PDB file of N, CA and C in Angstrom:
ATOM      1  N   MET A   1      -7.435 -47.707   3.262  1.00  0.00           N
ATOM      2  CA  MET A   1      -6.921 -46.388   2.991  1.00  0.00           C
ATOM      3  C   MET A   1      -6.845 -46.125   1.485  1.00  0.00           C
ATOM      4  N   ARG A   2      -6.601 -47.188   0.729  1.00  0.00           N
ATOM      5  CA  ARG A   2      -6.509 -47.045  -0.722  1.00  0.00           C
ATOM      6  C   ARG A   2      -7.825 -46.538  -1.308  1.00  0.00           C
ATOM      7  N   TYR A   3      -8.940 -47.025  -0.775  1.00  0.00           N
ATOM      8  CA  TYR A   3     -10.252 -46.583  -1.251  1.00  0.00           C
ATOM      9  C   TYR A   3     -10.480 -45.106  -0.954  1.00  0.00           C
ATOM     10  N   VAL A   4     -10.065 -44.661   0.209  1.00  0.00           N
ATOM     11  CA  VAL A   4     -10.245 -43.261   0.593  1.00  0.00           C
ATOM     12  C   VAL A   4      -9.456 -42.346  -0.335  1.00  0.00           C
ATOM     13  N   ILE A   5      -8.219 -42.714  -0.605  1.00  0.00           N
ATOM     14  CA  ILE A   5      -7.397 -41.908  -1.508  1.00  0.00           C
ATOM     15  C   ILE A   5      -8.012 -41.889  -2.903  1.00  0.00           C
ATOM     16  N   ALA A   6      -8.483 -43.032  -3.372  1.00  0.00           N
ATOM     17  CA  ALA A   6      -9.110 -43.095  -4.691  1.00  0.00           C
ATOM     18  C   ALA A   6     -10.363 -42.229  -4.743  1.00  0.00           C
ATOM     19  N   MET A   7     -11.172 -42.257  -3.688  1.00  0.00           N
ATOM     20  CA  MET A   7     -12.381 -41.436  -3.668  1.00  0.00           C
ATOM     21  C   MET A   7     -12.056 -39.949  -3.640  1.00  0.00           C
ATOM     22  N   LEU A   8     -11.068 -39.563  -2.857  1.00  0.00           N
ATOM     23  CA  LEU A   8     -10.709 -38.144  -2.776  1.00  0.00           C
ATOM     24  C   LEU A   8     -10.169 -37.620  -4.102  1.00  0.00           C
ATOM     25  N   VAL A   9      -9.318 -38.394  -4.742  1.00  0.00           N
ATOM     26  CA  VAL A   9      -8.774 -37.961  -6.032  1.00  0.00           C
ATOM     27  C   VAL A   9      -9.875 -37.944  -7.094  1.00  0.00           C
ATOM     28  N   ALA A  10     -10.793 -38.908  -7.047  1.00  0.00           N
ATOM     29  CA  ALA A  10     -11.904 -38.931  -8.000  1.00  0.00           C
ATOM     30  C   ALA A  10     -12.804 -37.713  -7.820  1.00  0.00           C
ATOM     31  N   ILE A  11     -13.100 -37.350  -6.591  1.00  0.00           N
ATOM     32  CA  ILE A  11     -13.930 -36.175  -6.331  1.00  0.00           C
ATOM     33  C   ILE A  11     -13.225 -34.916  -6.811  1.00  0.00           C
ATOM     34  N   LEU A  12     -11.942 -34.810  -6.532  1.00  0.00           N
ATOM     35  CA  LEU A  12     -11.173 -33.640  -6.969  1.00  0.00           C
ATOM     36  C   LEU A  12     -11.160 -33.543  -8.497  1.00  0.00           C
ATOM     37  N   ALA A  13     -10.946 -34.652  -9.169  1.00  0.00           N
ATOM     38  CA  ALA A  13     -10.936 -34.655 -10.633  1.00  0.00           C
ATOM     39  C   ALA A  13     -12.305 -34.277 -11.192  1.00  0.00           C
ATOM     40  N   ALA A  14     -13.377 -34.785 -10.579  1.00  0.00           N
ATOM     41  CA  ALA A  14     -14.723 -34.461 -11.047  1.00  0.00           C
ATOM     42  C   ALA A  14     -15.041 -32.982 -10.847  1.00  0.00           C
ATOM     43  N   VAL A  15     -14.637 -32.425  -9.724  1.00  0.00           N
ATOM     44  CA  VAL A  15     -14.889 -31.000  -9.467  1.00  0.00           C
ATOM     45  C   VAL A  15     -14.112 -30.135 -10.455  1.00  0.00           C
ATOM     46  N   LEU A  16     -12.855 -30.459 -10.663  1.00  0.00           N
ATOM     47  CA  LEU A  16     -12.057 -29.693 -11.619  1.00  0.00           C
ATOM     48  C   LEU A  16     -12.623 -29.792 -13.032  1.00  0.00           C
ATOM     49  N   ALA A  17     -13.065 -30.967 -13.415  1.00  0.00           N
ATOM     50  CA  ALA A  17     -13.655 -31.128 -14.744  1.00  0.00           C
ATOM     51  C   ALA A  17     -14.967 -30.358 -14.857  1.00  0.00           C
ATOM     52  N   THR A  18     -15.767 -30.384 -13.798  1.00  0.00           N
ATOM     53  CA  THR A  18     -17.040 -29.676 -13.818  1.00  0.00           C
ATOM     54  C   THR A  18     -16.847 -28.178 -13.997  1.00  0.00           C
ATOM     55  N   VAL A  19     -15.831 -27.639 -13.372  1.00  0.00           N
ATOM     56  CA  VAL A  19     -15.603 -26.198 -13.415  1.00  0.00           C
ATOM     57  C   VAL A  19     -14.815 -25.782 -14.660  1.00  0.00           C
ATOM     58  N   LEU A  20     -13.791 -26.540 -15.024  1.00  0.00           N
ATOM     59  CA  LEU A  20     -12.857 -26.080 -16.041  1.00  0.00           C
ATOM     60  C   LEU A  20     -13.018 -26.727 -17.417  1.00  0.00           C
ATOM     61  N   VAL A  21     -13.294 -28.007 -17.477  1.00  0.00           N
ATOM     62  CA  VAL A  21     -13.197 -28.730 -18.746  1.00  0.00           C
ATOM     63  C   VAL A  21     -14.554 -28.986 -19.399  1.00  0.00           C
ATOM     64  N   SER A  22     -15.507 -29.481 -18.649  1.00  0.00           N
ATOM     65  CA  SER A  22     -16.786 -29.909 -19.215  1.00  0.00           C
ATOM     66  C   SER A  22     -17.551 -28.820 -19.953  1.00  0.00           C
ATOM     67  N   PRO A  23     -17.625 -27.593 -19.442  1.00  0.00           N
ATOM     68  CA  PRO A  23     -18.351 -26.566 -20.204  1.00  0.00           C
ATOM     69  C   PRO A  23     -17.721 -26.297 -21.581  1.00  0.00           C
ATOM     70  N   ARG A  24     -16.408 -26.326 -21.652  1.00  0.00           N
ATOM     71  CA  ARG A  24     -15.728 -26.083 -22.933  1.00  0.00           C
ATOM     72  C   ARG A  24     -15.968 -27.220 -23.916  1.00  0.00           C
ATOM     73  N   ILE A  25     -15.908 -28.455 -23.422  1.00  0.00           N
ATOM     74  CA  ILE A  25     -16.138 -29.609 -24.294  1.00  0.00           C
ATOM     75  C   ILE A  25     -17.577 -29.611 -24.795  1.00  0.00           C
ATOM     76  N   ALA A  26     -18.527 -29.316 -23.909  1.00  0.00           N
ATOM     77  CA  ALA A  26     -19.938 -29.300 -24.304  1.00  0.00           C
ATOM     78  C   ALA A  26     -20.212 -28.207 -25.333  1.00  0.00           C
ATOM     79  N   SER A  27     -19.658 -27.041 -25.129  1.00  0.00           N
ATOM     80  CA  SER A  27     -19.846 -25.951 -26.095  1.00  0.00           C
ATOM     81  C   SER A  27     -19.212 -26.286 -27.439  1.00  0.00           C
ATOM     82  N   TRP A  28     -18.034 -26.892 -27.406  1.00  0.00           N
ATOM     83  CA  TRP A  28     -17.373 -27.279 -28.640  1.00  0.00           C
ATOM     84  C   TRP A  28     -18.199 -28.312 -29.405  1.00  0.00           C
ATOM     85  N   ALA A  29     -18.738 -29.306 -28.693  1.00  0.00           N
ATOM     86  CA  ALA A  29     -19.525 -30.361 -29.341  1.00  0.00           C
ATOM     87  C   ALA A  29     -20.787 -29.790 -29.982  1.00  0.00           C
ATOM     88  N   VAL A  30     -21.436 -28.865 -29.305  1.00  0.00           N
ATOM     89  CA  VAL A  30     -22.654 -28.264 -29.841  1.00  0.00           C
ATOM     90  C   VAL A  30     -22.323 -27.400 -31.058  1.00  0.00           C
ATOM     91  N   GLY A  31     -21.180 -26.738 -31.024  1.00  0.00           N
ATOM     92  CA  GLY A  31     -20.804 -25.875 -32.141  1.00  0.00           C
ATOM     93  C   GLY A  31     -20.438 -26.626 -33.404  1.00  0.00           C
ATOM     94  N   GLN A  32     -20.165 -27.923 -33.298  1.00  0.00           N
ATOM     95  CA  GLN A  32     -19.765 -28.717 -34.456  1.00  0.00           C
ATOM     96  C   GLN A  32     -20.947 -29.186 -35.295  1.00  0.00           C
ATOM     97  N   LEU A  33     -22.148 -29.145 -34.743  1.00  0.00           N
ATOM     98  CA  LEU A  33     -23.327 -29.698 -35.418  1.00  0.00           C
ATOM     99  C   LEU A  33     -24.373 -28.624 -35.670  1.00  0.00           C
ATOM    100  N   THR A  34     -25.323 -28.939 -36.551  1.00  0.00           N
ATOM    101  CA  THR A  34     -26.479 -28.068 -36.760  1.00  0.00           C
ATOM    102  C   THR A  34     -27.711 -28.771 -36.212  1.00  0.00           C
ATOM    103  N   PHE A  35     -28.655 -27.985 -35.724  1.00  0.00           N
ATOM    104  CA  PHE A  35     -29.828 -28.540 -35.061  1.00  0.00           C
ATOM    105  C   PHE A  35     -31.091 -27.902 -35.612  1.00  0.00           C
ATOM    106  N   GLU A  36     -32.208 -28.630 -35.442  1.00  0.00           N
ATOM    107  CA  GLU A  36     -33.498 -28.121 -35.889  1.00  0.00           C
ATOM    108  C   GLU A  36     -34.281 -27.480 -34.758  1.00  0.00           C
ATOM    109  N   SER A  37     -33.958 -27.829 -33.525  1.00  0.00           N
ATOM    110  CA  SER A  37     -34.689 -27.234 -32.409  1.00  0.00           C
ATOM    111  C   SER A  37     -33.735 -26.949 -31.250  1.00  0.00           C
ATOM    112  N   PRO A  38     -34.085 -25.982 -30.429  1.00  0.00           N
ATOM    113  CA  PRO A  38     -33.244 -25.673 -29.267  1.00  0.00           C
ATOM    114  C   PRO A  38     -33.188 -26.818 -28.251  1.00  0.00           C
ATOM    115  N   ASP A  39     -34.211 -27.654 -28.241  1.00  0.00           N
ATOM    116  CA  ASP A  39     -34.206 -28.795 -27.325  1.00  0.00           C
ATOM    117  C   ASP A  39     -33.067 -29.761 -27.645  1.00  0.00           C
ATOM    118  N   GLU A  40     -32.804 -29.955 -28.929  1.00  0.00           N
ATOM    119  CA  GLU A  40     -31.717 -30.840 -29.328  1.00  0.00           C
ATOM    120  C   GLU A  40     -30.368 -30.291 -28.858  1.00  0.00           C
ATOM    121  N   VAL A  41     -30.219 -28.981 -28.940  1.00  0.00           N
ATOM    122  CA  VAL A  41     -28.983 -28.345 -28.486  1.00  0.00           C
ATOM    123  C   VAL A  41     -28.789 -28.591 -26.996  1.00  0.00           C
ATOM    124  N   GLY A  42     -29.843 -28.357 -26.233  1.00  0.00           N
ATOM    125  CA  GLY A  42     -29.766 -28.561 -24.785  1.00  0.00           C
ATOM    126  C   GLY A  42     -29.501 -29.998 -24.406  1.00  0.00           C
ATOM    127  N   ASN A  43     -30.169 -30.919 -25.103  1.00  0.00           N
ATOM    128  CA  ASN A  43     -29.963 -32.336 -24.799  1.00  0.00           C
ATOM    129  C   ASN A  43     -28.536 -32.774 -25.073  1.00  0.00           C
ATOM    130  N   LEU A  44     -27.983 -32.359 -26.212  1.00  0.00           N
ATOM    131  CA  LEU A  44     -26.609 -32.742 -26.532  1.00  0.00           C
ATOM    132  C   LEU A  44     -25.629 -32.099 -25.561  1.00  0.00           C
ATOM    133  N   GLU A  45     -25.838 -30.822 -25.269  1.00  0.00           N
ATOM    134  CA  GLU A  45     -24.913 -30.142 -24.357  1.00  0.00           C
ATOM    135  C   GLU A  45     -24.943 -30.785 -22.971  1.00  0.00           C
ATOM    136  N   ASP A  46     -26.132 -31.109 -22.484  1.00  0.00           N
ATOM    137  CA  ASP A  46     -26.237 -31.770 -21.182  1.00  0.00           C
ATOM    138  C   ASP A  46     -25.582 -33.145 -21.192  1.00  0.00           C
ATOM    139  N   GLY A  47     -25.811 -33.892 -22.256  1.00  0.00           N
ATOM    140  CA  GLY A  47     -25.233 -35.230 -22.344  1.00  0.00           C
ATOM    141  C   GLY A  47     -23.712 -35.218 -22.398  1.00  0.00           C
ATOM    142  N   VAL A  48     -23.162 -34.333 -23.199  1.00  0.00           N
ATOM    143  CA  VAL A  48     -21.707 -34.237 -23.300  1.00  0.00           C
ATOM    144  C   VAL A  48     -21.118 -33.757 -21.979  1.00  0.00           C
ATOM    145  N   TYR A  49     -21.791 -32.821 -21.346  1.00  0.00           N
ATOM    146  CA  TYR A  49     -21.337 -32.295 -20.055  1.00  0.00           C
ATOM    147  C   TYR A  49     -21.268 -33.417 -19.015  1.00  0.00           C
ATOM    148  N   MET A  50     -22.346 -34.194 -18.917  1.00  0.00           N
ATOM    149  CA  MET A  50     -22.383 -35.281 -17.936  1.00  0.00           C
ATOM    150  C   MET A  50     -21.392 -36.389 -18.277  1.00  0.00           C
ATOM    151  N   LEU A  51     -21.237 -36.694 -19.557  1.00  0.00           N
ATOM    152  CA  LEU A  51     -20.306 -37.741 -19.961  1.00  0.00           C
ATOM    153  C   LEU A  51     -18.863 -37.351 -19.663  1.00  0.00           C
ATOM    154  N   SER A  52     -18.516 -36.092 -19.888  1.00  0.00           N
ATOM    155  CA  SER A  52     -17.146 -35.674 -19.598  1.00  0.00           C
ATOM    156  C   SER A  52     -16.893 -35.640 -18.090  1.00  0.00           C
ATOM    157  N   ASN A  53     -17.917 -35.317 -17.300  1.00  0.00           N
ATOM    158  CA  ASN A  53     -17.763 -35.389 -15.847  1.00  0.00           C
ATOM    159  C   ASN A  53     -17.582 -36.828 -15.380  1.00  0.00           C
ATOM    160  N   LEU A  54     -18.340 -37.738 -15.959  1.00  0.00           N
ATOM    161  CA  LEU A  54     -18.204 -39.155 -15.613  1.00  0.00           C
ATOM    162  C   LEU A  54     -16.825 -39.675 -15.992  1.00  0.00           C
ATOM    163  N   ALA A  55     -16.334 -39.284 -17.166  1.00  0.00           N
ATOM    164  CA  ALA A  55     -15.004 -39.710 -17.586  1.00  0.00           C
ATOM    165  C   ALA A  55     -13.942 -39.189 -16.622  1.00  0.00           C
ATOM    166  N   ALA A  56     -14.082 -37.944 -16.187  1.00  0.00           N
ATOM    167  CA  ALA A  56     -13.117 -37.377 -15.234  1.00  0.00           C
ATOM    168  C   ALA A  56     -13.185 -38.108 -13.900  1.00  0.00           C
ATOM    169  N   LEU A  57     -14.378 -38.482 -13.483  1.00  0.00           N
ATOM    170  CA  LEU A  57     -14.532 -39.223 -12.232  1.00  0.00           C
ATOM    171  C   LEU A  57     -13.838 -40.577 -12.310  1.00  0.00           C
ATOM    172  N   ILE A  58     -14.018 -41.274 -13.415  1.00  0.00           N
ATOM    173  CA  ILE A  58     -13.397 -42.597 -13.587  1.00  0.00           C
ATOM    174  C   ILE A  58     -11.878 -42.476 -13.670  1.00  0.00           C
ATOM    175  N   VAL A  59     -11.390 -41.502 -14.431  1.00  0.00           N
ATOM    176  CA  VAL A  59      -9.942 -41.304 -14.542  1.00  0.00           C
ATOM    177  C   VAL A  59      -9.363 -40.916 -13.182  1.00  0.00           C
ATOM    178  N   GLY A  60     -10.057 -40.065 -12.448  1.00  0.00           N
ATOM    179  CA  GLY A  60      -9.599 -39.686 -11.114  1.00  0.00           C
ATOM    180  C   GLY A  60      -9.553 -40.873 -10.175  1.00  0.00           C
ATOM    181  N   TRP A  61     -10.553 -41.741 -10.260  1.00  0.00           N
ATOM    182  CA  TRP A  61     -10.559 -42.947  -9.421  1.00  0.00           C
ATOM    183  C   TRP A  61      -9.348 -43.824  -9.730  1.00  0.00           C
ATOM    184  N   ILE A  62      -9.074 -44.024 -11.010  1.00  0.00           N
ATOM    185  CA  ILE A  62      -7.944 -44.865 -11.399  1.00  0.00           C
ATOM    186  C   ILE A  62      -6.623 -44.270 -10.911  1.00  0.00           C
ATOM    187  N   ILE A  63      -6.456 -42.966 -11.103  1.00  0.00           N
ATOM    188  CA  ILE A  63      -5.236 -42.309 -10.641  1.00  0.00           C
ATOM    189  C   ILE A  63      -5.110 -42.418  -9.121  1.00  0.00           C
ATOM    190  N   GLY A  64      -6.196 -42.186  -8.410  1.00  0.00           N
ATOM    191  CA  GLY A  64      -6.184 -42.301  -6.950  1.00  0.00           C
ATOM    192  C   GLY A  64      -5.909 -43.721  -6.487  1.00  0.00           C
ATOM    193  N   TRP A  65      -6.416 -44.692  -7.210  1.00  0.00           N
ATOM    194  CA  TRP A  65      -6.186 -46.095  -6.865  1.00  0.00           C
ATOM    195  C   TRP A  65      -4.706 -46.444  -6.996  1.00  0.00           C
ATOM    196  N   VAL A  66      -4.092 -45.947  -8.066  1.00  0.00           N
ATOM    197  CA  VAL A  66      -2.664 -46.204  -8.271  1.00  0.00           C
ATOM    198  C   VAL A  66      -1.842 -45.490  -7.198  1.00  0.00           C
ATOM    199  N   ILE A  67      -2.160 -44.237  -6.933  1.00  0.00           N
ATOM    200  CA  ILE A  67      -1.435 -43.482  -5.902  1.00  0.00           C
ATOM    201  C   ILE A  67      -1.614 -44.149  -4.539  1.00  0.00           C
ATOM    202  N   GLY A  68      -2.827 -44.532  -4.224  1.00  0.00           N
ATOM    203  CA  GLY A  68      -3.095 -45.193  -2.946  1.00  0.00           C
ATOM    204  C   GLY A  68      -2.370 -46.512  -2.807  1.00  0.00           C
ATOM    205  N   GLY A  69      -2.221 -47.232  -3.892  1.00  0.00           N
ATOM    206  CA  GLY A  69      -1.494 -48.496  -3.855  1.00  0.00           C
ATOM    207  C   GLY A  69      -0.013 -48.313  -3.596  1.00  0.00           C
ATOM    208  N   ARG A  70       0.516 -47.198  -4.049  1.00  0.00           N
ATOM    209  CA  ARG A  70       1.948 -46.936  -3.841  1.00  0.00           C
ATOM    210  C   ARG A  70       2.211 -46.344  -2.457  1.00  0.00           C
ATOM    211  N   LEU A  71       1.255 -45.627  -1.901  1.00  0.00           N
ATOM    212  CA  LEU A  71       1.466 -44.999  -0.597  1.00  0.00           C
ATOM    213  C   LEU A  71       1.213 -45.938   0.575  1.00  0.00           C
ATOM    214  N   VAL A  72       0.260 -46.831   0.417  1.00  0.00           N
ATOM    215  CA  VAL A  72      -0.097 -47.733   1.505  1.00  0.00           C
ATOM    216  C   VAL A  72       0.677 -49.027   1.335  1.00  0.00           C
ATOM    217  N   PRO A  73       1.511 -49.384   2.321  1.00  0.00           N
ATOM    218  CA  PRO A  73       2.278 -50.620   2.185  1.00  0.00           C
ATOM    219  C   PRO A  73       1.354 -51.852   2.236  1.00  0.00           C
ATOM    220  N   GLN A  74       1.706 -52.844   1.455  1.00  0.00           N
ATOM    221  CA  GLN A  74       0.922 -54.071   1.406  1.00  0.00           C
ATOM    222  C   GLN A  74       1.295 -54.968   2.586  1.00  0.00           C
ATOM    223  N   ARG A  75       0.326 -55.653   3.133  1.00  0.00           N
ATOM    224  CA  ARG A  75       0.579 -56.576   4.239  1.00  0.00           C
ATOM    225  C   ARG A  75       1.194 -57.866   3.718  1.00  0.00           C
ATOM    226  N   ALA A  76       2.066 -58.426   4.506  1.00  0.00           N
ATOM    227  CA  ALA A  76       2.653 -59.713   4.137  1.00  0.00           C
ATOM    228  C   ALA A  76       1.627 -60.810   4.398  1.00  0.00           C
ATOM    229  N   PRO A  77       1.588 -61.827   3.536  1.00  0.00           N
ATOM    230  CA  PRO A  77       0.636 -62.911   3.751  1.00  0.00           C
ATOM    231  C   PRO A  77       0.997 -63.681   5.026  1.00  0.00           C
ATOM    232  N   PRO A  78      -0.017 -64.233   5.699  1.00  0.00           N
ATOM    233  CA  PRO A  78       0.260 -64.979   6.928  1.00  0.00           C
ATOM    234  C   PRO A  78       1.095 -66.218   6.636  1.00  0.00           C
ATOM    235  N   ALA A  79       1.971 -66.538   7.567  1.00  0.00           N
ATOM    236  CA  ALA A  79       2.871 -67.672   7.373  1.00  0.00           C
ATOM    237  C   ALA A  79       2.260 -68.952   7.889  1.00  0.00           C
TER     238      ALA A  79
END
């Protein structure tokens, strides 16, 4: 059950980051630098976008893992 909770929270965090956070971070990162070609702009924006989504997925997994560990009681070791 702990894995299921971790996966659900990770998916939720990734979706929220994809919609709300990643576009802003990618635009901010591109605005901080100067470029010689539009391809460089696109490559950096795509990379930052994907990296921030991956970070949100990992953070969501960790949060879900902790929540799942607290909600699901641990089994006692066999005697």
